[in-house]
Full PDB file with SEQRES, HELIX, SHEET, SSBOND, CRYST1, ORIGX, SCALE, CONECT and MASTER records, all heavy atoms in Angstrom:
SEQRES   1 A   34  LEU GLU HIS LEU PRO GLU ILE TRP HIS GLN ASN LEU ASP          
SEQRES   2 A   34  GLN PRO LEU HIS ALA ILE ALA ARG GLN HIS ASN ARG MET          
SEQRES   3 A   34  VAL VAL VAL MET ASP ASP THR LEU                              
HELIX    1 AA1 ASP A   13  GLN A   22  1                                  10    
CRYST1    1.000    1.000    1.000  90.00  90.00  90.00 P 1           1          
ORIGX1      1.000000  0.000000  0.000000        0.00000                         
ORIGX2      0.000000  1.000000  0.000000        0.00000                         
ORIGX3      0.000000  0.000000  1.000000        0.00000                         
SCALE1      1.000000  0.000000  0.000000        0.00000                         
SCALE2      0.000000  1.000000  0.000000        0.00000                         
SCALE3      0.000000  0.000000  1.000000        0.00000                         
ATOM      1  N   LEU A   1      -2.939 -14.287  -0.620  1.00  0.00           N  
ATOM      2  CA  LEU A   1      -2.630 -13.219   0.350  1.00  0.00           C  
ATOM      3  C   LEU A   1      -3.748 -12.134   0.387  1.00  0.00           C  
ATOM      4  O   LEU A   1      -3.649 -11.206   1.189  1.00  0.00           O  
ATOM      5  CB  LEU A   1      -1.335 -12.535   0.005  1.00  0.00           C  
ATOM      6  CG  LEU A   1      -0.105 -13.452  -0.051  1.00  0.00           C  
ATOM      7  CD1 LEU A   1       1.206 -12.679  -0.327  1.00  0.00           C  
ATOM      8  CD2 LEU A   1       0.020 -14.318   1.234  1.00  0.00           C  
ATOM      9  N   GLU A   2      -4.744 -12.261  -0.474  1.00  0.00           N  
ATOM     10  CA  GLU A   2      -5.751 -11.187  -0.558  1.00  0.00           C  
ATOM     11  C   GLU A   2      -6.590 -11.004   0.722  1.00  0.00           C  
ATOM     12  O   GLU A   2      -7.006  -9.938   1.039  1.00  0.00           O  
ATOM     13  CB  GLU A   2      -6.659 -11.490  -1.737  1.00  0.00           C  
ATOM     14  CG  GLU A   2      -5.958 -11.328  -3.102  1.00  0.00           C  
ATOM     15  CD  GLU A   2      -6.879 -11.658  -4.255  1.00  0.00           C  
ATOM     16  OE1 GLU A   2      -8.055 -12.078  -3.973  1.00  0.00           O  
ATOM     17  OE2 GLU A   2      -6.468 -11.527  -5.404  1.00  0.00           O  
ATOM     18  N   HIS A   3      -6.737 -12.094   1.500  1.00  0.00           N  
ATOM     19  CA  HIS A   3      -7.590 -12.012   2.675  1.00  0.00           C  
ATOM     20  C   HIS A   3      -6.822 -11.526   3.878  1.00  0.00           C  
ATOM     21  O   HIS A   3      -7.410 -11.326   4.940  1.00  0.00           O  
ATOM     22  CB  HIS A   3      -8.157 -13.375   2.964  1.00  0.00           C  
ATOM     23  CG  HIS A   3      -7.089 -14.391   3.437  1.00  0.00           C  
ATOM     24  ND1 HIS A   3      -6.176 -14.970   2.539  1.00  0.00           N  
ATOM     25  CD2 HIS A   3      -6.784 -14.907   4.664  1.00  0.00           C  
ATOM     26  CE1 HIS A   3      -5.401 -15.783   3.234  1.00  0.00           C  
ATOM     27  NE2 HIS A   3      -5.738 -15.786   4.488  1.00  0.00           N  
ATOM     28  N   LEU A   4      -5.538 -11.285   3.756  1.00  0.00           N  
ATOM     29  CA  LEU A   4      -4.710 -10.929   4.923  1.00  0.00           C  
ATOM     30  C   LEU A   4      -4.916  -9.470   5.341  1.00  0.00           C  
ATOM     31  O   LEU A   4      -5.167  -8.663   4.481  1.00  0.00           O  
ATOM     32  CB  LEU A   4      -3.276 -11.216   4.628  1.00  0.00           C  
ATOM     33  CG  LEU A   4      -2.841 -12.627   4.314  1.00  0.00           C  
ATOM     34  CD1 LEU A   4      -1.364 -12.694   3.996  1.00  0.00           C  
ATOM     35  CD2 LEU A   4      -3.218 -13.576   5.475  1.00  0.00           C  
ATOM     36  N   PRO A   5      -4.766  -9.202   6.605  1.00  0.00           N  
ATOM     37  CA  PRO A   5      -4.792  -7.764   7.057  1.00  0.00           C  
ATOM     38  C   PRO A   5      -3.616  -7.003   6.472  1.00  0.00           C  
ATOM     39  O   PRO A   5      -2.618  -7.602   6.026  1.00  0.00           O  
ATOM     40  CB  PRO A   5      -4.661  -7.864   8.576  1.00  0.00           C  
ATOM     41  CG  PRO A   5      -4.945  -9.317   8.935  1.00  0.00           C  
ATOM     42  CD  PRO A   5      -4.581 -10.124   7.738  1.00  0.00           C  
ATOM     43  N   GLU A   6      -3.720  -5.721   6.484  1.00  0.00           N  
ATOM     44  CA  GLU A   6      -2.595  -4.867   6.053  1.00  0.00           C  
ATOM     45  C   GLU A   6      -1.380  -5.076   6.963  1.00  0.00           C  
ATOM     46  O   GLU A   6      -1.603  -5.381   8.167  1.00  0.00           O  
ATOM     47  CB  GLU A   6      -2.985  -3.414   6.022  1.00  0.00           C  
ATOM     48  CG  GLU A   6      -3.986  -3.060   4.933  1.00  0.00           C  
ATOM     49  CD  GLU A   6      -3.414  -3.250   3.581  1.00  0.00           C  
ATOM     50  OE1 GLU A   6      -2.248  -2.894   3.321  1.00  0.00           O  
ATOM     51  OE2 GLU A   6      -4.147  -3.798   2.699  1.00  0.00           O  
ATOM     52  N   ILE A   7      -0.198  -4.889   6.451  1.00  0.00           N  
ATOM     53  CA  ILE A   7       0.979  -5.068   7.306  1.00  0.00           C  
ATOM     54  C   ILE A   7       0.972  -4.045   8.405  1.00  0.00           C  
ATOM     55  O   ILE A   7       0.302  -2.995   8.325  1.00  0.00           O  
ATOM     56  CB  ILE A   7       2.282  -4.987   6.452  1.00  0.00           C  
ATOM     57  CG1 ILE A   7       2.439  -3.609   5.840  1.00  0.00           C  
ATOM     58  CG2 ILE A   7       2.351  -6.037   5.414  1.00  0.00           C  
ATOM     59  CD1 ILE A   7       3.774  -3.363   5.190  1.00  0.00           C  
ATOM     60  N   TRP A   8       1.759  -4.336   9.434  1.00  0.00           N  
ATOM     61  CA  TRP A   8       1.894  -3.403  10.582  1.00  0.00           C  
ATOM     62  C   TRP A   8       2.278  -2.024  10.094  1.00  0.00           C  
ATOM     63  O   TRP A   8       3.193  -1.909   9.273  1.00  0.00           O  
ATOM     64  CB  TRP A   8       2.882  -3.945  11.605  1.00  0.00           C  
ATOM     65  CG  TRP A   8       3.048  -3.140  12.832  1.00  0.00           C  
ATOM     66  CD1 TRP A   8       4.155  -2.445  13.209  1.00  0.00           C  
ATOM     67  CD2 TRP A   8       2.079  -2.984  13.856  1.00  0.00           C  
ATOM     68  NE1 TRP A   8       3.948  -1.851  14.412  1.00  0.00           N  
ATOM     69  CE2 TRP A   8       2.662  -2.111  14.857  1.00  0.00           C  
ATOM     70  CE3 TRP A   8       0.805  -3.404  14.057  1.00  0.00           C  
ATOM     71  CZ2 TRP A   8       1.979  -1.728  15.993  1.00  0.00           C  
ATOM     72  CZ3 TRP A   8       0.086  -2.999  15.180  1.00  0.00           C  
ATOM     73  CH2 TRP A   8       0.718  -2.186  16.126  1.00  0.00           C  
ATOM     74  N   HIS A   9       1.660  -0.976  10.618  1.00  0.00           N  
ATOM     75  CA  HIS A   9       1.780   0.364  10.052  1.00  0.00           C  
ATOM     76  C   HIS A   9       3.141   1.015  10.301  1.00  0.00           C  
ATOM     77  O   HIS A   9       3.526   1.916   9.514  1.00  0.00           O  
ATOM     78  CB  HIS A   9       0.682   1.227  10.616  1.00  0.00           C  
ATOM     79  CG  HIS A   9       0.804   1.402  12.118  1.00  0.00           C  
ATOM     80  ND1 HIS A   9       0.267   0.447  13.005  1.00  0.00           N  
ATOM     81  CD2 HIS A   9       1.380   2.361  12.920  1.00  0.00           C  
ATOM     82  CE1 HIS A   9       0.505   0.834  14.264  1.00  0.00           C  
ATOM     83  NE2 HIS A   9       1.214   1.987  14.226  1.00  0.00           N  
ATOM     84  N   GLN A  10       3.882   0.594  11.286  1.00  0.00           N  
ATOM     85  CA  GLN A  10       5.097   1.328  11.700  1.00  0.00           C  
ATOM     86  C   GLN A  10       6.322   0.674  11.080  1.00  0.00           C  
ATOM     87  O   GLN A  10       6.543  -0.557  11.199  1.00  0.00           O  
ATOM     88  CB  GLN A  10       5.214   1.334  13.198  1.00  0.00           C  
ATOM     89  CG  GLN A  10       6.422   2.123  13.719  1.00  0.00           C  
ATOM     90  CD  GLN A  10       6.556   1.989  15.218  1.00  0.00           C  
ATOM     91  OE1 GLN A  10       5.786   1.345  15.888  1.00  0.00           O  
ATOM     92  NE2 GLN A  10       7.619   2.636  15.750  1.00  0.00           N  
ATOM     93  N   ASN A  11       7.205   1.514  10.536  1.00  0.00           N  
ATOM     94  CA  ASN A  11       8.547   1.018  10.123  1.00  0.00           C  
ATOM     95  C   ASN A  11       9.364   0.765  11.407  1.00  0.00           C  
ATOM     96  O   ASN A  11       9.496   1.664  12.236  1.00  0.00           O  
ATOM     97  CB  ASN A  11       9.214   2.058   9.278  1.00  0.00           C  
ATOM     98  CG  ASN A  11      10.557   1.570   8.695  1.00  0.00           C  
ATOM     99  OD1 ASN A  11      11.418   1.086   9.425  1.00  0.00           O  
ATOM    100  ND2 ASN A  11      10.774   1.735   7.425  1.00  0.00           N  
ATOM    101  N   LEU A  12       9.900  -0.441  11.553  1.00  0.00           N  
ATOM    102  CA  LEU A  12      10.548  -0.803  12.815  1.00  0.00           C  
ATOM    103  C   LEU A  12      12.090  -0.797  12.735  1.00  0.00           C  
ATOM    104  O   LEU A  12      12.709  -1.309  13.652  1.00  0.00           O  
ATOM    105  CB  LEU A  12      10.053  -2.179  13.231  1.00  0.00           C  
ATOM    106  CG  LEU A  12       8.521  -2.252  13.511  1.00  0.00           C  
ATOM    107  CD1 LEU A  12       8.162  -3.726  13.860  1.00  0.00           C  
ATOM    108  CD2 LEU A  12       8.094  -1.326  14.591  1.00  0.00           C  
ATOM    109  N   ASP A  13      12.607  -0.253  11.660  1.00  0.00           N  
ATOM    110  CA  ASP A  13      14.117  -0.278  11.519  1.00  0.00           C  
ATOM    111  C   ASP A  13      14.778   0.358  12.712  1.00  0.00           C  
ATOM    112  O   ASP A  13      15.729  -0.190  13.283  1.00  0.00           O  
ATOM    113  CB  ASP A  13      14.535   0.447  10.222  1.00  0.00           C  
ATOM    114  CG  ASP A  13      14.128  -0.366   9.000  1.00  0.00           C  
ATOM    115  OD1 ASP A  13      13.723  -1.544   9.120  1.00  0.00           O  
ATOM    116  OD2 ASP A  13      14.220   0.164   7.869  1.00  0.00           O  
ATOM    117  N   GLN A  14      14.355   1.573  13.140  1.00  0.00           N  
ATOM    118  CA  GLN A  14      14.981   2.271  14.213  1.00  0.00           C  
ATOM    119  C   GLN A  14      14.768   1.587  15.577  1.00  0.00           C  
ATOM    120  O   GLN A  14      15.716   1.444  16.334  1.00  0.00           O  
ATOM    121  CB  GLN A  14      14.550   3.753  14.241  1.00  0.00           C  
ATOM    122  CG  GLN A  14      15.096   4.587  13.091  1.00  0.00           C  
ATOM    123  CD  GLN A  14      16.610   4.594  13.107  1.00  0.00           C  
ATOM    124  OE1 GLN A  14      17.265   4.680  14.138  1.00  0.00           O  
ATOM    125  NE2 GLN A  14      17.208   4.472  11.912  1.00  0.00           N  
ATOM    126  N   PRO A  15      13.534   1.194  15.888  1.00  0.00           N  
ATOM    127  CA  PRO A  15      13.362   0.517  17.159  1.00  0.00           C  
ATOM    128  C   PRO A  15      14.151  -0.771  17.284  1.00  0.00           C  
ATOM    129  O   PRO A  15      14.727  -1.094  18.345  1.00  0.00           O  
ATOM    130  CB  PRO A  15      11.816   0.223  17.219  1.00  0.00           C  
ATOM    131  CG  PRO A  15      11.255   1.280  16.360  1.00  0.00           C  
ATOM    132  CD  PRO A  15      12.206   1.518  15.258  1.00  0.00           C  
ATOM    133  N   LEU A  16      14.261  -1.486  16.209  1.00  0.00           N  
ATOM    134  CA  LEU A  16      15.040  -2.760  16.210  1.00  0.00           C  
ATOM    135  C   LEU A  16      16.538  -2.438  16.374  1.00  0.00           C  
ATOM    136  O   LEU A  16      17.236  -3.111  17.136  1.00  0.00           O  
ATOM    137  CB  LEU A  16      14.830  -3.562  14.884  1.00  0.00           C  
ATOM    138  CG  LEU A  16      13.568  -4.373  14.847  1.00  0.00           C  
ATOM    139  CD1 LEU A  16      13.251  -4.849  13.414  1.00  0.00           C  
ATOM    140  CD2 LEU A  16      13.621  -5.567  15.794  1.00  0.00           C  
ATOM    141  N   HIS A  17      17.006  -1.412  15.698  1.00  0.00           N  
ATOM    142  CA  HIS A  17      18.384  -1.005  15.822  1.00  0.00           C  
ATOM    143  C   HIS A  17      18.780  -0.646  17.250  1.00  0.00           C  
ATOM    144  O   HIS A  17      19.743  -1.022  17.834  1.00  0.00           O  
ATOM    145  CB  HIS A  17      18.691   0.131  14.886  1.00  0.00           C  
ATOM    146  CG  HIS A  17      20.123   0.596  14.943  1.00  0.00           C  
ATOM    147  ND1 HIS A  17      21.123  -0.009  14.136  1.00  0.00           N  
ATOM    148  CD2 HIS A  17      20.748   1.585  15.595  1.00  0.00           C  
ATOM    149  CE1 HIS A  17      22.303   0.579  14.368  1.00  0.00           C  
ATOM    150  NE2 HIS A  17      22.086   1.529  15.269  1.00  0.00           N  
ATOM    151  N   ALA A  18      17.828   0.111  17.880  1.00  0.00           N  
ATOM    152  CA  ALA A  18      18.026   0.611  19.218  1.00  0.00           C  
ATOM    153  C   ALA A  18      18.007  -0.526  20.275  1.00  0.00           C  
ATOM    154  O   ALA A  18      18.888  -0.617  21.115  1.00  0.00           O  
ATOM    155  CB  ALA A  18      17.014   1.653  19.593  1.00  0.00           C  
ATOM    156  N   ILE A  19      17.000  -1.373  20.179  1.00  0.00           N  
ATOM    157  CA  ILE A  19      16.822  -2.405  21.192  1.00  0.00           C  
ATOM    158  C   ILE A  19      17.879  -3.502  21.047  1.00  0.00           C  
ATOM    159  O   ILE A  19      18.295  -4.088  22.058  1.00  0.00           O  
ATOM    160  CB  ILE A  19      15.426  -3.032  21.141  1.00  0.00           C  
ATOM    161  CG1 ILE A  19      15.083  -3.713  22.505  1.00  0.00           C  
ATOM    162  CG2 ILE A  19      15.249  -3.999  19.948  1.00  0.00           C  
ATOM    163  CD1 ILE A  19      13.622  -4.113  22.627  1.00  0.00           C  
ATOM    164  N   ALA A  20      18.338  -3.744  19.808  1.00  0.00           N  
ATOM    165  CA  ALA A  20      19.398  -4.744  19.637  1.00  0.00           C  
ATOM    166  C   ALA A  20      20.732  -4.329  20.269  1.00  0.00           C  
ATOM    167  O   ALA A  20      21.567  -5.199  20.584  1.00  0.00           O  
ATOM    168  CB  ALA A  20      19.614  -5.004  18.146  1.00  0.00           C  
ATOM    169  N   ARG A  21      20.907  -3.015  20.487  1.00  0.00           N  
ATOM    170  CA  ARG A  21      22.148  -2.538  21.069  1.00  0.00           C  
ATOM    171  C   ARG A  21      21.987  -2.096  22.531  1.00  0.00           C  
ATOM    172  O   ARG A  21      22.953  -1.756  23.171  1.00  0.00           O  
ATOM    173  CB  ARG A  21      22.656  -1.352  20.246  1.00  0.00           C  
ATOM    174  CG  ARG A  21      23.298  -1.836  18.945  1.00  0.00           C  
ATOM    175  CD  ARG A  21      23.166  -0.869  17.769  1.00  0.00           C  
ATOM    176  NE  ARG A  21      23.747  -1.394  16.614  1.00  0.00           N  
ATOM    177  CZ  ARG A  21      23.209  -2.380  15.843  1.00  0.00           C  
ATOM    178  NH1 ARG A  21      22.066  -2.912  16.215  1.00  0.00           N  
ATOM    179  NH2 ARG A  21      23.857  -2.857  14.776  1.00  0.00           N  
ATOM    180  N   GLN A  22      20.790  -2.169  23.010  1.00  0.00           N  
ATOM    181  CA  GLN A  22      20.479  -1.648  24.342  1.00  0.00           C  
ATOM    182  C   GLN A  22      21.277  -2.389  25.406  1.00  0.00           C  
ATOM    183  O   GLN A  22      21.785  -1.766  26.324  1.00  0.00           O  
ATOM    184  CB  GLN A  22      18.979  -1.763  24.635  1.00  0.00           C  
ATOM    185  CG  GLN A  22      18.560  -1.232  25.979  1.00  0.00           C  
ATOM    186  CD  GLN A  22      17.047  -1.233  26.129  1.00  0.00           C  
ATOM    187  OE1 GLN A  22      16.306  -1.278  25.183  1.00  0.00           O  
ATOM    188  NE2 GLN A  22      16.596  -1.253  27.337  1.00  0.00           N  
ATOM    189  N   HIS A  23      21.332  -3.701  25.321  1.00  0.00           N  
ATOM    190  CA  HIS A  23      21.999  -4.501  26.349  1.00  0.00           C  
ATOM    191  C   HIS A  23      23.410  -4.964  25.886  1.00  0.00           C  
ATOM    192  O   HIS A  23      24.051  -5.693  26.578  1.00  0.00           O  
ATOM    193  CB  HIS A  23      21.152  -5.723  26.725  1.00  0.00           C  
ATOM    194  CG  HIS A  23      19.787  -5.333  27.260  1.00  0.00           C  
ATOM    195  ND1 HIS A  23      19.654  -4.657  28.442  1.00  0.00           N  
ATOM    196  CD2 HIS A  23      18.555  -5.538  26.741  1.00  0.00           C  
ATOM    197  CE1 HIS A  23      18.351  -4.433  28.627  1.00  0.00           C  
ATOM    198  NE2 HIS A  23      17.679  -4.943  27.647  1.00  0.00           N  
ATOM    199  N   ASN A  24      23.820  -4.548  24.664  1.00  0.00           N  
ATOM    200  CA  ASN A  24      25.105  -4.870  24.159  1.00  0.00           C  
ATOM    201  C   ASN A  24      25.407  -6.384  24.079  1.00  0.00           C  
ATOM    202  O   ASN A  24      26.526  -6.817  24.230  1.00  0.00           O  
ATOM    203  CB  ASN A  24      26.206  -4.235  25.034  1.00  0.00           C  
ATOM    204  CG  ASN A  24      27.539  -4.153  24.283  1.00  0.00           C  
ATOM    205  OD1 ASN A  24      27.601  -3.988  23.075  1.00  0.00           O  
ATOM    206  ND2 ASN A  24      28.650  -4.307  24.993  1.00  0.00           N  
ATOM    207  N   ARG A  25      24.357  -7.145  23.913  1.00  0.00           N  
ATOM    208  CA  ARG A  25      24.506  -8.558  23.709  1.00  0.00           C  
ATOM    209  C   ARG A  25      25.040  -8.855  22.273  1.00  0.00           C  
ATOM    210  O   ARG A  25      24.768  -8.099  21.346  1.00  0.00           O  
ATOM    211  CB  ARG A  25      23.183  -9.352  23.923  1.00  0.00           C  
ATOM    212  CG  ARG A  25      22.660  -9.280  25.303  1.00  0.00           C  
ATOM    213  CD  ARG A  25      21.354 -10.047  25.427  1.00  0.00           C  
ATOM    214  NE  ARG A  25      20.408  -9.646  24.410  1.00  0.00           N  
ATOM    215  CZ  ARG A  25      19.223 -10.139  24.194  1.00  0.00           C  
ATOM    216  NH1 ARG A  25      18.887 -11.196  24.923  1.00  0.00           N  
ATOM    217  NH2 ARG A  25      18.393  -9.725  23.295  1.00  0.00           N  
ATOM    218  N   MET A  26      25.727  -9.948  22.105  1.00  0.00           N  
ATOM    219  CA  MET A  26      26.195 -10.367  20.794  1.00  0.00           C  
ATOM    220  C   MET A  26      25.148 -11.300  20.225  1.00  0.00           C  
ATOM    221  O   MET A  26      24.766 -12.321  20.807  1.00  0.00           O  
ATOM    222  CB  MET A  26      27.564 -11.070  20.874  1.00  0.00           C  
ATOM    223  CG  MET A  26      28.030 -11.598  19.573  1.00  0.00           C  
ATOM    224  SD  MET A  26      28.453 -10.302  18.339  1.00  0.00           S  
ATOM    225  CE  MET A  26      29.941  -9.610  19.055  1.00  0.00           C  
ATOM    226  N   VAL A  27      24.653 -11.036  19.004  1.00  0.00           N  
ATOM    227  CA  VAL A  27      23.797 -11.921  18.267  1.00  0.00           C  
ATOM    228  C   VAL A  27      24.684 -12.888  17.495  1.00  0.00           C  
ATOM    229  O   VAL A  27      25.474 -12.425  16.616  1.00  0.00           O  
ATOM    230  CB  VAL A  27      22.857 -11.177  17.356  1.00  0.00           C  
ATOM    231  CG1 VAL A  27      21.947 -12.177  16.595  1.00  0.00           C  
ATOM    232  CG2 VAL A  27      21.956 -10.205  18.149  1.00  0.00           C  
ATOM    233  N   VAL A  28      24.633 -14.151  17.817  1.00  0.00           N  
ATOM    234  CA  VAL A  28      25.465 -15.142  17.150  1.00  0.00           C  
ATOM    235  C   VAL A  28      24.619 -15.953  16.182  1.00  0.00           C  
ATOM    236  O   VAL A  28      23.724 -16.652  16.600  1.00  0.00           O  
ATOM    237  CB  VAL A  28      26.134 -16.073  18.197  1.00  0.00           C  
ATOM    238  CG1 VAL A  28      26.933 -17.204  17.507  1.00  0.00           C  
ATOM    239  CG2 VAL A  28      27.017 -15.298  19.114  1.00  0.00           C  
ATOM    240  N   VAL A  29      24.918 -15.806  14.907  1.00  0.00           N  
ATOM    241  CA  VAL A  29      24.153 -16.549  13.886  1.00  0.00           C  
ATOM    242  C   VAL A  29      24.991 -17.795  13.506  1.00  0.00           C  
ATOM    243  O   VAL A  29      26.079 -17.710  12.946  1.00  0.00           O  
ATOM    244  CB  VAL A  29      23.945 -15.707  12.610  1.00  0.00           C  
ATOM    245  CG1 VAL A  29      23.145 -16.510  11.597  1.00  0.00           C  
ATOM    246  CG2 VAL A  29      23.217 -14.381  12.950  1.00  0.00           C  
ATOM    247  N   MET A  30      24.471 -18.964  13.913  1.00  0.00           N  
ATOM    248  CA  MET A  30      25.102 -20.231  13.526  1.00  0.00           C  
ATOM    249  C   MET A  30      24.563 -20.599  12.150  1.00  0.00           C  
ATOM    250  O   MET A  30      23.394 -20.967  12.032  1.00  0.00           O  
ATOM    251  CB  MET A  30      24.783 -21.324  14.535  1.00  0.00           C  
ATOM    252  CG  MET A  30      25.484 -21.146  15.881  1.00  0.00           C  
ATOM    253  SD  MET A  30      25.162 -22.604  16.973  1.00  0.00           S  
ATOM    254  CE  MET A  30      26.200 -22.225  18.379  1.00  0.00           C  
ATOM    255  N   ASP A  31      25.412 -20.483  11.143  1.00  0.00           N  
ATOM    256  CA  ASP A  31      24.962 -20.614   9.800  1.00  0.00           C  
ATOM    257  C   ASP A  31      25.470 -21.927   9.155  1.00  0.00           C  
ATOM    258  O   ASP A  31      26.668 -22.208   9.165  1.00  0.00           O  
ATOM    259  CB  ASP A  31      25.471 -19.401   8.948  1.00  0.00           C  
ATOM    260  CG  ASP A  31      24.698 -19.248   7.658  1.00  0.00           C  
ATOM    261  OD1 ASP A  31      23.880 -20.114   7.313  1.00  0.00           O  
ATOM    262  OD2 ASP A  31      24.966 -18.261   6.951  1.00  0.00           O  
ATOM    263  N   ASP A  32      24.537 -22.678   8.597  1.00  0.00           N  
ATOM    264  CA  ASP A  32      24.923 -23.975   8.056  1.00  0.00           C  
ATOM    265  C   ASP A  32      25.637 -23.810   6.665  1.00  0.00           C  
ATOM    266  O   ASP A  32      26.292 -24.720   6.245  1.00  0.00           O  
ATOM    267  CB  ASP A  32      23.684 -24.829   7.861  1.00  0.00           C  
ATOM    268  CG  ASP A  32      24.034 -26.294   7.648  1.00  0.00           C  
ATOM    269  OD1 ASP A  32      25.138 -26.710   8.066  1.00  0.00           O  
ATOM    270  OD2 ASP A  32      23.241 -27.030   7.013  1.00  0.00           O  
ATOM    271  N   THR A  33      25.361 -22.707   5.961  1.00  0.00           N  
ATOM    272  CA  THR A  33      26.061 -22.479   4.684  1.00  0.00           C  
ATOM    273  C   THR A  33      26.570 -21.063   4.646  1.00  0.00           C  
ATOM    274  O   THR A  33      26.196 -20.184   5.451  1.00  0.00           O  
ATOM    275  CB  THR A  33      25.182 -22.673   3.495  1.00  0.00           C  
ATOM    276  OG1 THR A  33      24.131 -21.644   3.471  1.00  0.00           O  
ATOM    277  CG2 THR A  33      24.449 -24.076   3.555  1.00  0.00           C  
ATOM    278  N   LEU A  34      27.400 -20.776   3.657  1.00  0.00           N  
ATOM    279  CA  LEU A  34      27.998 -19.438   3.587  1.00  0.00           C  
ATOM    280  C   LEU A  34      26.979 -18.399   3.139  1.00  0.00           C  
ATOM    281  O   LEU A  34      27.216 -17.238   3.301  1.00  0.00           O  
ATOM    282  CB  LEU A  34      29.189 -19.451   2.542  1.00  0.00           C  
ATOM    283  CG  LEU A  34      30.424 -20.255   2.959  1.00  0.00           C  
ATOM    284  CD1 LEU A  34      30.242 -21.775   2.657  1.00  0.00           C  
ATOM    285  CD2 LEU A  34      31.639 -19.794   2.264  1.00  0.00           C  
TER     286      LEU A  34                                                      
MASTER        0    0    0    1    0    0    0    6  285    1    0    3          
END                                                                             
């Protein structure tokens, strides 16, 4: 991993929280195990 660029500078927790609720869609996780 030494040659990799630095990770993206911005913490995306809030943008992800906001956009995931913007259209009120249901995220359905089909999970093969518990």
